[in-house]
């Protein structure tokens, strides 16, 4: 019985190390920097590089998430989506959710 418990603890530890790379373990602020969002939308997510790029700070999380999903899938392909399409290839849906949730808290 003790060997089974030890094995279960070891498997859990290894699994938690593998999960460490997914978005749930990543901080939204770190993702915002790592995925280059800041280079167009501003380091504070409030001062975009160009006046026609949106300010993301404080936007509705579900709205931002849905926009990212639609841009990545091609469902949205107007405006500046061509520039965003490449960036969306760098993130998965879980990371999009993390980014959207974090950006919604920025004011």
C-alpha atoms as a PDB file:
ATOM      1  CA  UNK A   1       0.000   0.000   0.000  1.00  0.00           C
ATOM      2  CA  UNK A   2       2.837   2.365   0.850  1.00  0.00           C
ATOM      3  CA  UNK A   3       4.384   1.804  -2.600  1.00  0.00           C
ATOM      4  CA  UNK A   4       1.079   2.693  -4.285  1.00  0.00           C
ATOM      5  CA  UNK A   5       0.820   5.936  -2.313  1.00  0.00           C
ATOM      6  CA  UNK A   6       4.441   6.798  -3.116  1.00  0.00           C
ATOM      7  CA  UNK A   7       3.828   6.080  -6.780  1.00  0.00           C
ATOM      8  CA  UNK A   8       0.675   8.213  -6.785  1.00  0.00           C
ATOM      9  CA  UNK A   9       2.575  11.125  -5.193  1.00  0.00           C
ATOM     10  CA  UNK A  10       5.376  10.777  -7.755  1.00  0.00           C
ATOM     11  CA  UNK A  11       2.935  10.703 -10.682  1.00  0.00           C
ATOM     12  CA  UNK A  12       1.138  13.767  -9.314  1.00  0.00           C
ATOM     13  CA  UNK A  13       4.435  15.627  -8.928  1.00  0.00           C
ATOM     14  CA  UNK A  14       5.509  14.839 -12.488  1.00  0.00           C
ATOM     15  CA  UNK A  15       2.092  15.814 -13.848  1.00  0.00           C
ATOM     16  CA  UNK A  16       2.219  19.143 -12.015  1.00  0.00           C
ATOM     17  CA  UNK A  17       5.606  19.881 -13.580  1.00  0.00           C
ATOM     18  CA  UNK A  18       4.188  19.185 -17.022  1.00  0.00           C
ATOM     19  CA  UNK A  19       1.195  21.452 -16.367  1.00  0.00           C
ATOM     20  CA  UNK A  20       3.544  24.255 -15.335  1.00  0.00           C
ATOM     21  CA  UNK A  21       3.807  25.383 -18.928  1.00  0.00           C
ATOM     22  CA  UNK A  22       0.110  25.947 -19.542  1.00  0.00           C
ATOM     23  CA  UNK A  23      -1.691  29.266 -19.314  1.00  0.00           C
ATOM     24  CA  UNK A  24      -3.386  28.542 -15.991  1.00  0.00           C
ATOM     25  CA  UNK A  25       0.038  28.699 -14.377  1.00  0.00           C
ATOM     26  CA  UNK A  26       1.021  31.804 -16.301  1.00  0.00           C
ATOM     27  CA  UNK A  27       0.388  35.314 -15.152  1.00  0.00           C
ATOM     28  CA  UNK A  28      -1.534  37.585 -17.529  1.00  0.00           C
ATOM     29  CA  UNK A  29       1.027  40.368 -17.188  1.00  0.00           C
ATOM     30  CA  UNK A  30       3.846  37.996 -18.106  1.00  0.00           C
ATOM     31  CA  UNK A  31       1.894  36.686 -21.099  1.00  0.00           C
ATOM     32  CA  UNK A  32       1.176  40.248 -22.230  1.00  0.00           C
ATOM     33  CA  UNK A  33       4.914  40.896 -22.370  1.00  0.00           C
ATOM     34  CA  UNK A  34       6.035  37.493 -23.637  1.00  0.00           C
ATOM     35  CA  UNK A  35       3.521  37.342 -26.488  1.00  0.00           C
ATOM     36  CA  UNK A  36       4.475  40.882 -27.644  1.00  0.00           C
ATOM     37  CA  UNK A  37       1.050  42.438 -27.030  1.00  0.00           C
ATOM     38  CA  UNK A  38       2.730  45.474 -25.485  1.00  0.00           C
ATOM     39  CA  UNK A  39       4.613  46.334 -28.672  1.00  0.00           C
ATOM     40  CA  UNK A  40       1.402  47.586 -30.329  1.00  0.00           C
ATOM     41  CA  UNK A  41      -1.011  48.113 -27.438  1.00  0.00           C
ATOM     42  CA  UNK A  42       1.458  49.846 -25.084  1.00  0.00           C
ATOM     43  CA  UNK A  43       3.298  48.639 -22.011  1.00  0.00           C
ATOM     44  CA  UNK A  44       0.356  49.709 -19.854  1.00  0.00           C
ATOM     45  CA  UNK A  45      -2.273  48.435 -22.349  1.00  0.00           C
ATOM     46  CA  UNK A  46      -3.625  52.015 -22.389  1.00  0.00           C
ATOM     47  CA  UNK A  47      -1.303  53.791 -24.808  1.00  0.00           C
ATOM     48  CA  UNK A  48      -1.228  51.992 -28.146  1.00  0.00           C
ATOM     49  CA  UNK A  49       1.581  52.614 -30.610  1.00  0.00           C
ATOM     50  CA  UNK A  50      -0.824  53.877 -33.284  1.00  0.00           C
ATOM     51  CA  UNK A  51      -4.046  55.808 -32.647  1.00  0.00           C
ATOM     52  CA  UNK A  52      -6.114  53.210 -34.513  1.00  0.00           C
ATOM     53  CA  UNK A  53      -4.891  50.317 -32.331  1.00  0.00           C
ATOM     54  CA  UNK A  54      -7.286  49.715 -29.455  1.00  0.00           C
ATOM     55  CA  UNK A  55      -6.527  50.428 -25.838  1.00  0.00           C
ATOM     56  CA  UNK A  56      -7.051  47.076 -24.109  1.00  0.00           C
ATOM     57  CA  UNK A  57      -6.945  48.035 -20.433  1.00  0.00           C
ATOM     58  CA  UNK A  58     -10.312  47.713 -18.743  1.00  0.00           C
ATOM     59  CA  UNK A  59     -12.134  46.222 -21.738  1.00  0.00           C
ATOM     60  CA  UNK A  60     -14.689  43.490 -21.135  1.00  0.00           C
ATOM     61  CA  UNK A  61     -12.880  40.150 -20.750  1.00  0.00           C
ATOM     62  CA  UNK A  62     -15.402  38.093 -22.723  1.00  0.00           C
ATOM     63  CA  UNK A  63     -15.379  40.607 -25.565  1.00  0.00           C
ATOM     64  CA  UNK A  64     -11.571  40.562 -25.805  1.00  0.00           C
ATOM     65  CA  UNK A  65     -11.437  36.783 -25.582  1.00  0.00           C
ATOM     66  CA  UNK A  66     -14.030  36.399 -28.345  1.00  0.00           C
ATOM     67  CA  UNK A  67     -12.179  38.887 -30.562  1.00  0.00           C
ATOM     68  CA  UNK A  68      -8.921  36.976 -30.157  1.00  0.00           C
ATOM     69  CA  UNK A  69     -10.614  33.648 -30.920  1.00  0.00           C
ATOM     70  CA  UNK A  70     -12.329  35.124 -33.988  1.00  0.00           C
ATOM     71  CA  UNK A  71      -9.109  36.692 -35.280  1.00  0.00           C
ATOM     72  CA  UNK A  72      -7.186  33.449 -34.828  1.00  0.00           C
ATOM     73  CA  UNK A  73      -9.871  31.377 -36.566  1.00  0.00           C
ATOM     74  CA  UNK A  74     -10.347  33.884 -39.384  1.00  0.00           C
ATOM     75  CA  UNK A  75     -13.979  34.580 -38.459  1.00  0.00           C
ATOM     76  CA  UNK A  76     -12.934  38.200 -38.024  1.00  0.00           C
ATOM     77  CA  UNK A  77     -10.775  39.491 -40.847  1.00  0.00           C
ATOM     78  CA  UNK A  78     -11.328  43.233 -41.044  1.00  0.00           C
ATOM     79  CA  UNK A  79      -9.441  46.302 -39.867  1.00  0.00           C
ATOM     80  CA  UNK A  80      -6.110  45.490 -38.285  1.00  0.00           C
ATOM     81  CA  UNK A  81      -6.721  41.768 -38.014  1.00  0.00           C
ATOM     82  CA  UNK A  82      -3.967  40.965 -40.512  1.00  0.00           C
ATOM     83  CA  UNK A  83      -1.397  42.243 -38.018  1.00  0.00           C
ATOM     84  CA  UNK A  84      -3.082  40.365 -35.183  1.00  0.00           C
ATOM     85  CA  UNK A  85      -3.375  37.064 -37.074  1.00  0.00           C
ATOM     86  CA  UNK A  86       0.342  36.337 -36.702  1.00  0.00           C
ATOM     87  CA  UNK A  87       0.352  37.186 -33.016  1.00  0.00           C
ATOM     88  CA  UNK A  88      -2.675  34.995 -32.368  1.00  0.00           C
ATOM     89  CA  UNK A  89      -0.641  32.070 -33.658  1.00  0.00           C
ATOM     90  CA  UNK A  90       1.540  32.492 -30.567  1.00  0.00           C
ATOM     91  CA  UNK A  91      -1.271  31.886 -28.070  1.00  0.00           C
ATOM     92  CA  UNK A  92      -3.715  29.106 -27.355  1.00  0.00           C
ATOM     93  CA  UNK A  93      -7.282  29.626 -26.141  1.00  0.00           C
ATOM     94  CA  UNK A  94      -6.356  29.158 -22.500  1.00  0.00           C
ATOM     95  CA  UNK A  95      -3.702  31.862 -22.811  1.00  0.00           C
ATOM     96  CA  UNK A  96      -6.212  34.107 -24.592  1.00  0.00           C
ATOM     97  CA  UNK A  97      -8.554  33.720 -21.628  1.00  0.00           C
ATOM     98  CA  UNK A  98      -5.735  34.517 -19.196  1.00  0.00           C
ATOM     99  CA  UNK A  99      -4.796  37.620 -21.189  1.00  0.00           C
ATOM    100  CA  UNK A 100      -8.397  38.803 -21.518  1.00  0.00           C
ATOM    101  CA  UNK A 101      -9.109  38.308 -17.818  1.00  0.00           C
ATOM    102  CA  UNK A 102      -5.934  40.158 -16.811  1.00  0.00           C
ATOM    103  CA  UNK A 103      -6.473  43.031 -19.255  1.00  0.00           C
ATOM    104  CA  UNK A 104     -10.018  43.515 -17.954  1.00  0.00           C
ATOM    105  CA  UNK A 105      -8.580  44.266 -14.514  1.00  0.00           C
ATOM    106  CA  UNK A 106      -6.227  46.959 -15.790  1.00  0.00           C
ATOM    107  CA  UNK A 107      -7.554  50.494 -15.468  1.00  0.00           C
END
